[in-house]
Amino acid sequence: MDTDPWRTLRLLPWTGSEAKPCFLITDDGGGRVSRLADVTEAVQLDMSVRLLAHADDLLPGATEVQLRFLAERLTEALRDVLRVAESRGRRPGEERSSP
C-alpha cells in the first residue's frame, strides 16, 4: 500500500454495485468527489436527526404499517451514520470527538 502521508483512502458515503463500499484515493480534501462526499455526509446526518425527531412524534400512536416503514427508514439512516463514522475514523488528521 502507498505510504505517502499526503495520500488518504476515504470511505465514501455511498455504495457501489452489490452494496459494496466505495473508496476514494486522494492527496487532498478539496477535490470534486471529496466535496460531494462531504455534502452527502452532511445531508445524511441531517436526515438522520430529522428522522429521529419524526420517530419520537410518531411512535406513541403509530400503526403496524407506520412502524414497519419507520423501522426500515431508521435502519437506512443508521447504516448511513455508521458509514460516515467509519469514514471519519479512517481519515488521518481529522479531529475526532471523544466518547
C-alpha atoms as a PDB file:
ATOM      1  CA  MET A   1       0.000   0.000   0.000  1.00  0.00           C
ATOM      2  CA  ASP A   2       1.150   3.555  -0.672  1.00  0.00           C
ATOM      3  CA  THR A   3       2.905   5.061   2.349  1.00  0.00           C
ATOM      4  CA  ASP A   4       2.755   8.668   1.161  1.00  0.00           C
ATOM      5  CA  PRO A   5       1.373  10.587   4.192  1.00  0.00           C
ATOM      6  CA  TRP A   6      -0.366  13.090   1.904  1.00  0.00           C
ATOM      7  CA  ARG A   7      -2.499  10.457   0.214  1.00  0.00           C
ATOM      8  CA  THR A   8      -5.514   9.162   2.050  1.00  0.00           C
ATOM      9  CA  LEU A   9      -8.041   6.435   1.477  1.00  0.00           C
ATOM     10  CA  ARG A  10     -11.554   7.701   2.125  1.00  0.00           C
ATOM     11  CA  LEU A  11     -14.635   5.539   2.513  1.00  0.00           C
ATOM     12  CA  LEU A  12     -17.321   7.334   0.545  1.00  0.00           C
ATOM     13  CA  PRO A  13     -20.836   7.786   1.966  1.00  0.00           C
ATOM     14  CA  TRP A  14     -22.447   5.698  -0.766  1.00  0.00           C
ATOM     15  CA  THR A  15     -22.031   2.163  -2.012  1.00  0.00           C
ATOM     16  CA  GLY A  16     -21.292   0.719  -5.396  1.00  0.00           C
ATOM     17  CA  SER A  17     -22.779  -2.228  -7.183  1.00  0.00           C
ATOM     18  CA  GLU A  18     -23.972  -5.049  -4.951  1.00  0.00           C
ATOM     19  CA  ALA A  19     -23.802  -2.623  -1.979  1.00  0.00           C
ATOM     20  CA  LYS A  20     -20.002  -2.817  -1.930  1.00  0.00           C
ATOM     21  CA  PRO A  21     -18.110   0.069  -0.293  1.00  0.00           C
ATOM     22  CA  CYS A  22     -16.616   2.800  -2.478  1.00  0.00           C
ATOM     23  CA  PHE A  23     -13.268   4.379  -1.702  1.00  0.00           C
ATOM     24  CA  LEU A  24     -11.505   7.499  -2.914  1.00  0.00           C
ATOM     25  CA  ILE A  25      -7.738   7.759  -3.002  1.00  0.00           C
ATOM     26  CA  THR A  26      -6.817  11.404  -2.794  1.00  0.00           C
ATOM     27  CA  ASP A  27      -3.924  13.645  -1.925  1.00  0.00           C
ATOM     28  CA  ASP A  28      -6.115  16.461  -0.633  1.00  0.00           C
ATOM     29  CA  GLY A  29      -9.604  17.008   0.729  1.00  0.00           C
ATOM     30  CA  GLY A  30     -10.570  19.652  -1.779  1.00  0.00           C
ATOM     31  CA  GLY A  31     -11.328  17.642  -4.887  1.00  0.00           C
ATOM     32  CA  ARG A  32     -14.722  17.464  -6.564  1.00  0.00           C
ATOM     33  CA  VAL A  33     -15.556  13.963  -5.298  1.00  0.00           C
ATOM     34  CA  SER A  34     -14.363  14.817  -1.772  1.00  0.00           C
ATOM     35  CA  ARG A  35     -16.623  17.877  -1.694  1.00  0.00           C
ATOM     36  CA  LEU A  36     -19.556  15.820  -2.983  1.00  0.00           C
ATOM     37  CA  ALA A  37     -18.878  13.227  -0.266  1.00  0.00           C
ATOM     38  CA  ASP A  38     -18.748  15.975   2.392  1.00  0.00           C
ATOM     39  CA  VAL A  39     -22.118  17.352   1.246  1.00  0.00           C
ATOM     40  CA  THR A  40     -23.615  13.854   1.081  1.00  0.00           C
ATOM     41  CA  GLU A  41     -22.422  13.071   4.617  1.00  0.00           C
ATOM     42  CA  ALA A  42     -23.904  16.326   5.920  1.00  0.00           C
ATOM     43  CA  VAL A  43     -27.243  15.560   4.255  1.00  0.00           C
ATOM     44  CA  GLN A  44     -27.265  12.001   5.611  1.00  0.00           C
ATOM     45  CA  LEU A  45     -26.539  13.178   9.157  1.00  0.00           C
ATOM     46  CA  ASP A  46     -29.181  15.913   8.963  1.00  0.00           C
ATOM     47  CA  MET A  47     -31.764  13.479   7.595  1.00  0.00           C
ATOM     48  CA  SER A  48     -30.992  11.078  10.446  1.00  0.00           C
ATOM     49  CA  VAL A  49     -31.579  13.800  13.041  1.00  0.00           C
ATOM     50  CA  ARG A  50     -34.876  14.751  11.386  1.00  0.00           C
ATOM     51  CA  LEU A  51     -35.967  11.123  11.089  1.00  0.00           C
ATOM     52  CA  LEU A  52     -35.261  10.526  14.770  1.00  0.00           C
ATOM     53  CA  ALA A  53     -37.362  13.565  15.709  1.00  0.00           C
ATOM     54  CA  HIS A  54     -40.154  12.268  13.459  1.00  0.00           C
ATOM     55  CA  ALA A  55     -39.924   8.846  15.131  1.00  0.00           C
ATOM     56  CA  ASP A  56     -40.299  10.461  18.560  1.00  0.00           C
ATOM     57  CA  ASP A  57     -43.508  12.145  17.395  1.00  0.00           C
ATOM     58  CA  LEU A  58     -44.899   9.121  15.533  1.00  0.00           C
ATOM     59  CA  LEU A  59     -44.246   6.263  17.959  1.00  0.00           C
ATOM     60  CA  PRO A  60     -46.959   6.846  20.568  1.00  0.00           C
ATOM     61  CA  GLY A  61     -49.835   6.333  18.120  1.00  0.00           C
ATOM     62  CA  ALA A  62     -48.234   4.507  15.196  1.00  0.00           C
ATOM     63  CA  THR A  63     -49.959   1.728  13.300  1.00  0.00           C
ATOM     64  CA  GLU A  64     -48.193  -1.508  12.433  1.00  0.00           C
ATOM     65  CA  VAL A  65     -47.670  -0.313   8.837  1.00  0.00           C
ATOM     66  CA  GLN A  66     -46.220   3.004  10.040  1.00  0.00           C
ATOM     67  CA  LEU A  67     -43.914   1.213  12.470  1.00  0.00           C
ATOM     68  CA  ARG A  68     -42.593  -1.083   9.756  1.00  0.00           C
ATOM     69  CA  PHE A  69     -41.975   1.839   7.406  1.00  0.00           C
ATOM     70  CA  LEU A  70     -40.295   3.803  10.204  1.00  0.00           C
ATOM     71  CA  ALA A  71     -38.094   0.827  11.145  1.00  0.00           C
ATOM     72  CA  GLU A  72     -36.963   0.488   7.527  1.00  0.00           C
ATOM     73  CA  ARG A  73     -36.082   4.204   7.293  1.00  0.00           C
ATOM     74  CA  LEU A  74     -34.319   4.176  10.680  1.00  0.00           C
ATOM     75  CA  THR A  75     -32.295   1.150   9.553  1.00  0.00           C
ATOM     76  CA  GLU A  76     -31.222   3.002   6.403  1.00  0.00           C
ATOM     77  CA  ALA A  77     -30.332   6.097   8.433  1.00  0.00           C
ATOM     78  CA  LEU A  78     -28.328   4.082  10.953  1.00  0.00           C
ATOM     79  CA  ARG A  79     -26.432   2.388   8.118  1.00  0.00           C
ATOM     80  CA  ASP A  80     -25.594   5.832   6.659  1.00  0.00           C
ATOM     81  CA  VAL A  81     -24.488   7.253  10.017  1.00  0.00           C
ATOM     82  CA  LEU A  82     -22.277   4.231  10.718  1.00  0.00           C
ATOM     83  CA  ARG A  83     -20.667   4.574   7.273  1.00  0.00           C
ATOM     84  CA  VAL A  84     -19.958   8.270   7.966  1.00  0.00           C
ATOM     85  CA  ALA A  85     -18.474   7.394  11.371  1.00  0.00           C
ATOM     86  CA  GLU A  86     -16.304   4.676   9.846  1.00  0.00           C
ATOM     87  CA  SER A  87     -15.166   7.009   7.074  1.00  0.00           C
ATOM     88  CA  ARG A  88     -14.227   9.754   9.514  1.00  0.00           C
ATOM     89  CA  GLY A  89     -12.361   7.235  11.664  1.00  0.00           C
ATOM     90  CA  ARG A  90     -10.199   6.314   8.676  1.00  0.00           C
ATOM     91  CA  ARG A  91      -9.140   9.867   7.813  1.00  0.00           C
ATOM     92  CA  PRO A  92      -5.886  10.821   9.485  1.00  0.00           C
ATOM     93  CA  GLY A  93      -5.622  14.305  10.886  1.00  0.00           C
ATOM     94  CA  GLU A  94      -9.363  14.870  11.154  1.00  0.00           C
ATOM     95  CA  GLU A  95     -10.410  15.917  14.612  1.00  0.00           C
ATOM     96  CA  ARG A  96     -12.461  13.290  16.413  1.00  0.00           C
ATOM     97  CA  SER A  97     -14.676  13.879  19.392  1.00  0.00           C
ATOM     98  CA  SER A  98     -14.018  11.696  22.390  1.00  0.00           C
ATOM     99  CA  PRO A  99     -16.774   9.409  23.731  1.00  0.00           C
END
